[in-house]
Amino acid sequence: MPDSIMYQEDAYVVLETNQPEQFLTPEELLEKLKAILATRQDNLPRDLQQFSSVEEQAKYLMETSCDLDMEPGEYLQWYIVRLEKR
């Protein structure tokens, strides 16, 4: 019998203000974060200011956090999940 881990994939569930939950691949989440960070270069969280490129900022954020401060009353959160193929 094959190992069940072979039938799992990493994905992210993304929660966003006034949006239904979304399941994104790591690549899709990275692109989403890059698009958001590209518009916020003058207002970055302190830990992201050490990186010179938006790509580095987004990768660091994905690896070390599960949310991003947005405008007051808004949120963006992501959590890694395992999806089983049936």
PDB file of N, CA and C in Angstrom:
ATOM      1  N   MET A   1       0.856  -1.181   0.000  1.00  0.00           N
ATOM      2  CA  MET A   1       0.000   0.000   0.000  1.00  0.00           C
ATOM      3  C   MET A   1       0.900   1.241   0.000  1.00  0.00           C
ATOM      4  N   PRO A   2       0.649   2.212  -0.904  1.00  0.00           N
ATOM      5  CA  PRO A   2       1.478   3.409  -0.955  1.00  0.00           C
ATOM      6  C   PRO A   2       1.288   4.272   0.294  1.00  0.00           C
ATOM      7  N   ASP A   3       2.323   5.018   0.594  1.00  0.00           N
ATOM      8  CA  ASP A   3       2.290   5.943   1.720  1.00  0.00           C
ATOM      9  C   ASP A   3       1.276   7.060   1.429  1.00  0.00           C
ATOM     10  N   SER A   4       0.399   7.349   2.378  1.00  0.00           N
ATOM     11  CA  SER A   4      -0.651   8.354   2.154  1.00  0.00           C
ATOM     12  C   SER A   4      -0.092   9.754   1.950  1.00  0.00           C
ATOM     13  N   ILE A   5       1.126  10.010   2.426  1.00  0.00           N
ATOM     14  CA  ILE A   5       1.712  11.336   2.234  1.00  0.00           C
ATOM     15  C   ILE A   5       1.907  11.639   0.751  1.00  0.00           C
ATOM     16  N   MET A   6       1.995  10.586  -0.075  1.00  0.00           N
ATOM     17  CA  MET A   6       2.159  10.785  -1.513  1.00  0.00           C
ATOM     18  C   MET A   6       0.915  11.398  -2.152  1.00  0.00           C
ATOM     19  N   TYR A   7      -0.200  11.362  -1.466  1.00  0.00           N
ATOM     20  CA  TYR A   7      -1.459  11.860  -2.020  1.00  0.00           C
ATOM     21  C   TYR A   7      -1.867  13.190  -1.408  1.00  0.00           C
ATOM     22  N   GLN A   8      -0.921  13.881  -0.805  1.00  0.00           N
ATOM     23  CA  GLN A   8      -1.221  15.161  -0.171  1.00  0.00           C
ATOM     24  C   GLN A   8      -0.441  16.270  -0.863  1.00  0.00           C
ATOM     25  N   GLU A   9      -1.024  17.452  -0.859  1.00  0.00           N
ATOM     26  CA  GLU A   9      -0.355  18.629  -1.411  1.00  0.00           C
ATOM     27  C   GLU A   9      -0.469  19.760  -0.419  1.00  0.00           C
ATOM     28  N   ASP A  10       0.533  20.586  -0.374  1.00  0.00           N
ATOM     29  CA  ASP A  10       0.457  21.772   0.456  1.00  0.00           C
ATOM     30  C   ASP A  10      -0.345  22.841  -0.274  1.00  0.00           C
ATOM     31  N   ALA A  11      -1.173  23.506   0.462  1.00  0.00           N
ATOM     32  CA  ALA A  11      -1.956  24.631  -0.062  1.00  0.00           C
ATOM     33  C   ALA A  11      -2.140  25.605   1.086  1.00  0.00           C
ATOM     34  N   TYR A  12      -2.705  26.732   0.792  1.00  0.00           N
ATOM     35  CA  TYR A  12      -2.992  27.737   1.812  1.00  0.00           C
ATOM     36  C   TYR A  12      -4.461  28.087   1.742  1.00  0.00           C
ATOM     37  N   VAL A  13      -5.073  28.198   2.907  1.00  0.00           N
ATOM     38  CA  VAL A  13      -6.398  28.780   2.962  1.00  0.00           C
ATOM     39  C   VAL A  13      -6.172  30.254   3.290  1.00  0.00           C
ATOM     40  N   VAL A  14      -6.798  31.126   2.527  1.00  0.00           N
ATOM     41  CA  VAL A  14      -6.598  32.564   2.665  1.00  0.00           C
ATOM     42  C   VAL A  14      -7.920  33.198   3.084  1.00  0.00           C
ATOM     43  N   LEU A  15      -7.843  33.973   4.153  1.00  0.00           N
ATOM     44  CA  LEU A  15      -9.004  34.689   4.683  1.00  0.00           C
ATOM     45  C   LEU A  15      -8.761  36.174   4.494  1.00  0.00           C
ATOM     46  N   GLU A  16      -9.756  36.828   3.895  1.00  0.00           N
ATOM     47  CA  GLU A  16      -9.618  38.241   3.553  1.00  0.00           C
ATOM     48  C   GLU A  16     -10.939  38.948   3.820  1.00  0.00           C
ATOM     49  N   THR A  17     -10.861  40.190   4.215  1.00  0.00           N
ATOM     50  CA  THR A  17     -12.041  40.980   4.520  1.00  0.00           C
ATOM     51  C   THR A  17     -13.063  40.911   3.386  1.00  0.00           C
ATOM     52  N   ASN A  18     -14.314  40.615   3.724  1.00  0.00           N
ATOM     53  CA  ASN A  18     -15.430  40.606   2.780  1.00  0.00           C
ATOM     54  C   ASN A  18     -15.242  39.678   1.581  1.00  0.00           C
ATOM     55  N   GLN A  19     -14.451  38.624   1.742  1.00  0.00           N
ATOM     56  CA  GLN A  19     -14.223  37.659   0.673  1.00  0.00           C
ATOM     57  C   GLN A  19     -14.462  36.255   1.207  1.00  0.00           C
ATOM     58  N   PRO A  20     -14.947  35.347   0.378  1.00  0.00           N
ATOM     59  CA  PRO A  20     -15.035  33.949   0.824  1.00  0.00           C
ATOM     60  C   PRO A  20     -13.625  33.383   0.960  1.00  0.00           C
ATOM     61  N   GLU A  21     -13.481  32.355   1.791  1.00  0.00           N
ATOM     62  CA  GLU A  21     -12.152  31.751   1.918  1.00  0.00           C
ATOM     63  C   GLU A  21     -11.712  31.188   0.575  1.00  0.00           C
ATOM     64  N   GLN A  22     -10.404  31.263   0.341  1.00  0.00           N
ATOM     65  CA  GLN A  22      -9.831  30.776  -0.908  1.00  0.00           C
ATOM     66  C   GLN A  22      -8.755  29.752  -0.593  1.00  0.00           C
ATOM     67  N   PHE A  23      -8.592  28.783  -1.459  1.00  0.00           N
ATOM     68  CA  PHE A  23      -7.473  27.859  -1.373  1.00  0.00           C
ATOM     69  C   PHE A  23      -6.508  28.231  -2.481  1.00  0.00           C
ATOM     70  N   LEU A  24      -5.268  28.543  -2.105  1.00  0.00           N
ATOM     71  CA  LEU A  24      -4.255  28.951  -3.070  1.00  0.00           C
ATOM     72  C   LEU A  24      -3.041  28.033  -2.978  1.00  0.00           C
ATOM     73  N   THR A  25      -2.385  27.846  -4.105  1.00  0.00           N
ATOM     74  CA  THR A  25      -1.109  27.140  -4.103  1.00  0.00           C
ATOM     75  C   THR A  25      -0.063  28.082  -3.498  1.00  0.00           C
ATOM     76  N   PRO A  26       1.082  27.555  -3.102  1.00  0.00           N
ATOM     77  CA  PRO A  26       2.139  28.450  -2.615  1.00  0.00           C
ATOM     78  C   PRO A  26       2.508  29.528  -3.637  1.00  0.00           C
ATOM     79  N   GLU A  27       2.535  29.168  -4.898  1.00  0.00           N
ATOM     80  CA  GLU A  27       2.873  30.134  -5.942  1.00  0.00           C
ATOM     81  C   GLU A  27       1.820  31.238  -6.051  1.00  0.00           C
ATOM     82  N   GLU A  28       0.543  30.856  -5.948  1.00  0.00           N
ATOM     83  CA  GLU A  28      -0.535  31.845  -6.026  1.00  0.00           C
ATOM     84  C   GLU A  28      -0.504  32.793  -4.831  1.00  0.00           C
ATOM     85  N   LEU A  29      -0.239  32.252  -3.641  1.00  0.00           N
ATOM     86  CA  LEU A  29      -0.146  33.113  -2.457  1.00  0.00           C
ATOM     87  C   LEU A  29       1.040  34.059  -2.593  1.00  0.00           C
ATOM     88  N   LEU A  30       2.163  33.561  -3.078  1.00  0.00           N
ATOM     89  CA  LEU A  30       3.328  34.416  -3.267  1.00  0.00           C
ATOM     90  C   LEU A  30       2.996  35.570  -4.204  1.00  0.00           C
ATOM     91  N   GLU A  31       2.316  35.289  -5.302  1.00  0.00           N
ATOM     92  CA  GLU A  31       1.932  36.346  -6.246  1.00  0.00           C
ATOM     93  C   GLU A  31       0.976  37.355  -5.602  1.00  0.00           C
ATOM     94  N   LYS A  32       0.038  36.877  -4.814  1.00  0.00           N
ATOM     95  CA  LYS A  32      -0.913  37.759  -4.123  1.00  0.00           C
ATOM     96  C   LYS A  32      -0.169  38.692  -3.164  1.00  0.00           C
ATOM     97  N   LEU A  33       0.754  38.124  -2.383  1.00  0.00           N
ATOM     98  CA  LEU A  33       1.510  38.940  -1.436  1.00  0.00           C
ATOM     99  C   LEU A  33       2.408  39.940  -2.155  1.00  0.00           C
ATOM    100  N   LYS A  34       3.024  39.521  -3.241  1.00  0.00           N
ATOM    101  CA  LYS A  34       3.868  40.439  -4.010  1.00  0.00           C
ATOM    102  C   LYS A  34       3.050  41.614  -4.533  1.00  0.00           C
ATOM    103  N   ALA A  35       1.854  41.356  -5.020  1.00  0.00           N
ATOM    104  CA  ALA A  35       1.003  42.428  -5.552  1.00  0.00           C
ATOM    105  C   ALA A  35       0.633  43.419  -4.441  1.00  0.00           C
ATOM    106  N   ILE A  36       0.317  42.892  -3.267  1.00  0.00           N
ATOM    107  CA  ILE A  36      -0.047  43.771  -2.144  1.00  0.00           C
ATOM    108  C   ILE A  36       1.161  44.570  -1.680  1.00  0.00           C
ATOM    109  N   LEU A  37       2.298  43.888  -1.506  1.00  0.00           N
ATOM    110  CA  LEU A  37       3.499  44.571  -1.013  1.00  0.00           C
ATOM    111  C   LEU A  37       4.019  45.602  -2.002  1.00  0.00           C
ATOM    112  N   ALA A  38       3.840  45.372  -3.282  1.00  0.00           N
ATOM    113  CA  ALA A  38       4.311  46.320  -4.290  1.00  0.00           C
ATOM    114  C   ALA A  38       3.633  47.679  -4.141  1.00  0.00           C
ATOM    115  N   THR A  39       2.406  47.681  -3.634  1.00  0.00           N
ATOM    116  CA  THR A  39       1.675  48.942  -3.451  1.00  0.00           C
ATOM    117  C   THR A  39       1.918  49.562  -2.085  1.00  0.00           C
ATOM    118  N   ARG A  40       2.679  48.879  -1.234  1.00  0.00           N
ATOM    119  CA  ARG A  40       2.879  49.354   0.146  1.00  0.00           C
ATOM    120  C   ARG A  40       4.339  49.581   0.488  1.00  0.00           C
ATOM    121  N   GLN A  41       5.178  49.821  -0.480  1.00  0.00           N
ATOM    122  CA  GLN A  41       6.608  49.955  -0.211  1.00  0.00           C
ATOM    123  C   GLN A  41       6.941  51.117   0.715  1.00  0.00           C
ATOM    124  N   ASP A  42       6.104  52.120   0.782  1.00  0.00           N
ATOM    125  CA  ASP A  42       6.356  53.239   1.690  1.00  0.00           C
ATOM    126  C   ASP A  42       5.764  53.008   3.077  1.00  0.00           C
ATOM    127  N   ASN A  43       5.093  51.859   3.282  1.00  0.00           N
ATOM    128  CA  ASN A  43       4.450  51.569   4.564  1.00  0.00           C
ATOM    129  C   ASN A  43       4.594  50.078   4.896  1.00  0.00           C
ATOM    130  N   LEU A  44       5.840  49.586   4.900  1.00  0.00           N
ATOM    131  CA  LEU A  44       6.096  48.176   5.165  1.00  0.00           C
ATOM    132  C   LEU A  44       6.267  47.908   6.651  1.00  0.00           C
ATOM    133  N   PRO A  45       5.869  46.725   7.099  1.00  0.00           N
ATOM    134  CA  PRO A  45       6.213  46.328   8.464  1.00  0.00           C
ATOM    135  C   PRO A  45       7.737  46.359   8.629  1.00  0.00           C
ATOM    136  N   ARG A  46       8.184  46.654   9.812  1.00  0.00           N
ATOM    137  CA  ARG A  46       9.615  46.830  10.080  1.00  0.00           C
ATOM    138  C   ARG A  46      10.456  45.624   9.640  1.00  0.00           C
ATOM    139  N   ASP A  47       9.969  44.404   9.914  1.00  0.00           N
ATOM    140  CA  ASP A  47      10.771  43.226   9.576  1.00  0.00           C
ATOM    141  C   ASP A  47      10.935  43.023   8.070  1.00  0.00           C
ATOM    142  N   LEU A  48      10.075  43.627   7.268  1.00  0.00           N
ATOM    143  CA  LEU A  48      10.202  43.496   5.810  1.00  0.00           C
ATOM    144  C   LEU A  48      11.101  44.566   5.200  1.00  0.00           C
ATOM    145  N   GLN A  49      11.389  45.612   5.942  1.00  0.00           N
ATOM    146  CA  GLN A  49      12.178  46.717   5.412  1.00  0.00           C
ATOM    147  C   GLN A  49      13.623  46.330   5.127  1.00  0.00           C
ATOM    148  N   GLN A  50      14.079  45.222   5.695  1.00  0.00           N
ATOM    149  CA  GLN A  50      15.462  44.782   5.476  1.00  0.00           C
ATOM    150  C   GLN A  50      15.677  44.178   4.082  1.00  0.00           C
ATOM    151  N   PHE A  51      14.600  43.856   3.378  1.00  0.00           N
ATOM    152  CA  PHE A  51      14.705  43.222   2.065  1.00  0.00           C
ATOM    153  C   PHE A  51      14.536  44.257   0.966  1.00  0.00           C
ATOM    154  N   SER A  52      15.353  44.142  -0.059  1.00  0.00           N
ATOM    155  CA  SER A  52      15.330  45.151  -1.116  1.00  0.00           C
ATOM    156  C   SER A  52      14.319  44.851  -2.216  1.00  0.00           C
ATOM    157  N   SER A  53      13.916  43.584  -2.357  1.00  0.00           N
ATOM    158  CA  SER A  53      12.972  43.272  -3.433  1.00  0.00           C
ATOM    159  C   SER A  53      11.624  42.810  -2.865  1.00  0.00           C
ATOM    160  N   VAL A  54      10.587  43.041  -3.637  1.00  0.00           N
ATOM    161  CA  VAL A  54       9.245  42.620  -3.256  1.00  0.00           C
ATOM    162  C   VAL A  54       9.180  41.101  -3.160  1.00  0.00           C
ATOM    163  N   GLU A  55       9.885  40.409  -4.044  1.00  0.00           N
ATOM    164  CA  GLU A  55       9.924  38.937  -4.029  1.00  0.00           C
ATOM    165  C   GLU A  55      10.482  38.430  -2.691  1.00  0.00           C
ATOM    166  N   GLU A  56      11.591  39.003  -2.245  1.00  0.00           N
ATOM    167  CA  GLU A  56      12.185  38.602  -0.964  1.00  0.00           C
ATOM    168  C   GLU A  56      11.238  38.905   0.200  1.00  0.00           C
ATOM    169  N   GLN A  57      10.595  40.050   0.144  1.00  0.00           N
ATOM    170  CA  GLN A  57       9.658  40.429   1.198  1.00  0.00           C
ATOM    171  C   GLN A  57       8.511  39.432   1.284  1.00  0.00           C
ATOM    172  N   ALA A  58       7.940  39.078   0.138  1.00  0.00           N
ATOM    173  CA  ALA A  58       6.797  38.159   0.103  1.00  0.00           C
ATOM    174  C   ALA A  58       7.204  36.770   0.582  1.00  0.00           C
ATOM    175  N   LYS A  59       8.364  36.283   0.151  1.00  0.00           N
ATOM    176  CA  LYS A  59       8.828  34.964   0.594  1.00  0.00           C
ATOM    177  C   LYS A  59       9.043  34.940   2.101  1.00  0.00           C
ATOM    178  N   TYR A  60       9.672  35.983   2.631  1.00  0.00           N
ATOM    179  CA  TYR A  60       9.900  36.063   4.073  1.00  0.00           C
ATOM    180  C   TYR A  60       8.576  36.062   4.822  1.00  0.00           C
ATOM    181  N   LEU A  61       7.626  36.827   4.334  1.00  0.00           N
ATOM    182  CA  LEU A  61       6.310  36.908   4.967  1.00  0.00           C
ATOM    183  C   LEU A  61       5.613  35.554   4.970  1.00  0.00           C
ATOM    184  N   MET A  62       5.671  34.843   3.855  1.00  0.00           N
ATOM    185  CA  MET A  62       5.059  33.512   3.775  1.00  0.00           C
ATOM    186  C   MET A  62       5.691  32.531   4.753  1.00  0.00           C
ATOM    187  N   GLU A  63       7.002  32.629   4.929  1.00  0.00           N
ATOM    188  CA  GLU A  63       7.725  31.676   5.758  1.00  0.00           C
ATOM    189  C   GLU A  63       7.666  31.984   7.249  1.00  0.00           C
ATOM    190  N   THR A  64       7.383  33.224   7.608  1.00  0.00           N
ATOM    191  CA  THR A  64       7.483  33.608   9.018  1.00  0.00           C
ATOM    192  C   THR A  64       6.191  34.123   9.638  1.00  0.00           C
ATOM    193  N   SER A  65       5.159  34.339   8.845  1.00  0.00           N
ATOM    194  CA  SER A  65       3.925  34.932   9.361  1.00  0.00           C
ATOM    195  C   SER A  65       2.706  34.194   8.831  1.00  0.00           C
ATOM    196  N   CYS A  66       1.563  34.584   9.359  1.00  0.00           N
ATOM    197  CA  CYS A  66       0.306  34.052   8.819  1.00  0.00           C
ATOM    198  C   CYS A  66      -0.718  35.168   8.654  1.00  0.00           C
ATOM    199  N   ASP A  67      -0.243  36.417   8.743  1.00  0.00           N
ATOM    200  CA  ASP A  67      -1.154  37.532   8.500  1.00  0.00           C
ATOM    201  C   ASP A  67      -0.359  38.769   8.111  1.00  0.00           C
ATOM    202  N   LEU A  68      -1.085  39.738   7.573  1.00  0.00           N
ATOM    203  CA  LEU A  68      -0.495  41.010   7.181  1.00  0.00           C
ATOM    204  C   LEU A  68      -1.446  42.106   7.623  1.00  0.00           C
ATOM    205  N   ASP A  69      -0.908  43.087   8.339  1.00  0.00           N
ATOM    206  CA  ASP A  69      -1.727  44.221   8.750  1.00  0.00           C
ATOM    207  C   ASP A  69      -2.158  44.991   7.517  1.00  0.00           C
ATOM    208  N   MET A  70      -3.452  45.214   7.434  1.00  0.00           N
ATOM    209  CA  MET A  70      -4.004  45.944   6.307  1.00  0.00           C
ATOM    210  C   MET A  70      -4.535  47.272   6.840  1.00  0.00           C
ATOM    211  N   GLU A  71      -5.467  47.856   6.142  1.00  0.00           N
ATOM    212  CA  GLU A  71      -6.119  49.079   6.597  1.00  0.00           C
ATOM    213  C   GLU A  71      -6.927  48.775   7.864  1.00  0.00           C
ATOM    214  N   PRO A  72      -7.255  49.780   8.670  1.00  0.00           N
ATOM    215  CA  PRO A  72      -8.094  49.532   9.848  1.00  0.00           C
ATOM    216  C   PRO A  72      -9.400  48.839   9.451  1.00  0.00           C
ATOM    217  N   GLY A  73      -9.730  47.783  10.186  1.00  0.00           N
ATOM    218  CA  GLY A  73     -10.957  47.042   9.917  1.00  0.00           C
ATOM    219  C   GLY A  73     -10.822  45.992   8.823  1.00  0.00           C
ATOM    220  N   GLU A  74      -9.645  45.843   8.247  1.00  0.00           N
ATOM    221  CA  GLU A  74      -9.418  44.859   7.195  1.00  0.00           C
ATOM    222  C   GLU A  74      -8.359  43.866   7.647  1.00  0.00           C
ATOM    223  N   TYR A  75      -8.402  42.668   7.073  1.00  0.00           N
ATOM    224  CA  TYR A  75      -7.427  41.651   7.436  1.00  0.00           C
ATOM    225  C   TYR A  75      -7.061  40.794   6.240  1.00  0.00           C
ATOM    226  N   LEU A  76      -5.902  40.194   6.324  1.00  0.00           N
ATOM    227  CA  LEU A  76      -5.438  39.190   5.370  1.00  0.00           C
ATOM    228  C   LEU A  76      -4.684  38.154   6.191  1.00  0.00           C
ATOM    229  N   GLN A  77      -5.179  36.916   6.168  1.00  0.00           N
ATOM    230  CA  GLN A  77      -4.565  35.819   6.918  1.00  0.00           C
ATOM    231  C   GLN A  77      -4.434  34.611   5.994  1.00  0.00           C
ATOM    232  N   TRP A  78      -3.409  33.793   6.245  1.00  0.00           N
ATOM    233  CA  TRP A  78      -3.234  32.571   5.463  1.00  0.00           C
ATOM    234  C   TRP A  78      -2.694  31.481   6.375  1.00  0.00           C
ATOM    235  N   TYR A  79      -3.130  30.256   6.092  1.00  0.00           N
ATOM    236  CA  TYR A  79      -2.738  29.100   6.891  1.00  0.00           C
ATOM    237  C   TYR A  79      -2.465  27.942   5.952  1.00  0.00           C
ATOM    238  N   ILE A  80      -1.377  27.241   6.204  1.00  0.00           N
ATOM    239  CA  ILE A  80      -1.048  26.096   5.366  1.00  0.00           C
ATOM    240  C   ILE A  80      -1.982  24.932   5.716  1.00  0.00           C
ATOM    241  N   VAL A  81      -2.415  24.240   4.700  1.00  0.00           N
ATOM    242  CA  VAL A  81      -3.284  23.073   4.883  1.00  0.00           C
ATOM    243  C   VAL A  81      -2.784  21.952   3.984  1.00  0.00           C
ATOM    244  N   ARG A  82      -3.159  20.758   4.326  1.00  0.00           N
ATOM    245  CA  ARG A  82      -2.869  19.577   3.503  1.00  0.00           C
ATOM    246  C   ARG A  82      -4.177  19.124   2.869  1.00  0.00           C
ATOM    247  N   LEU A  83      -4.165  18.963   1.577  1.00  0.00           N
ATOM    248  CA  LEU A  83      -5.346  18.502   0.856  1.00  0.00           C
ATOM    249  C   LEU A  83      -5.102  17.072   0.414  1.00  0.00           C
ATOM    250  N   GLU A  84      -6.012  16.204   0.744  1.00  0.00           N
ATOM    251  CA  GLU A  84      -5.892  14.813   0.329  1.00  0.00           C
ATOM    252  C   GLU A  84      -6.582  14.606  -1.008  1.00  0.00           C
ATOM    253  N   LYS A  85      -5.928  13.872  -1.877  1.00  0.00           N
ATOM    254  CA  LYS A  85      -6.572  13.466  -3.127  1.00  0.00           C
ATOM    255  C   LYS A  85      -7.356  12.206  -2.840  1.00  0.00           C
ATOM    256  N   ARG A  86      -8.541  12.135  -3.357  1.00  0.00           N
ATOM    257  CA  ARG A  86      -9.376  10.948  -3.127  1.00  0.00           C
ATOM    258  C   ARG A  86      -9.622  10.216  -4.406  1.00  0.00           C
TER     259      ARG A  86
END
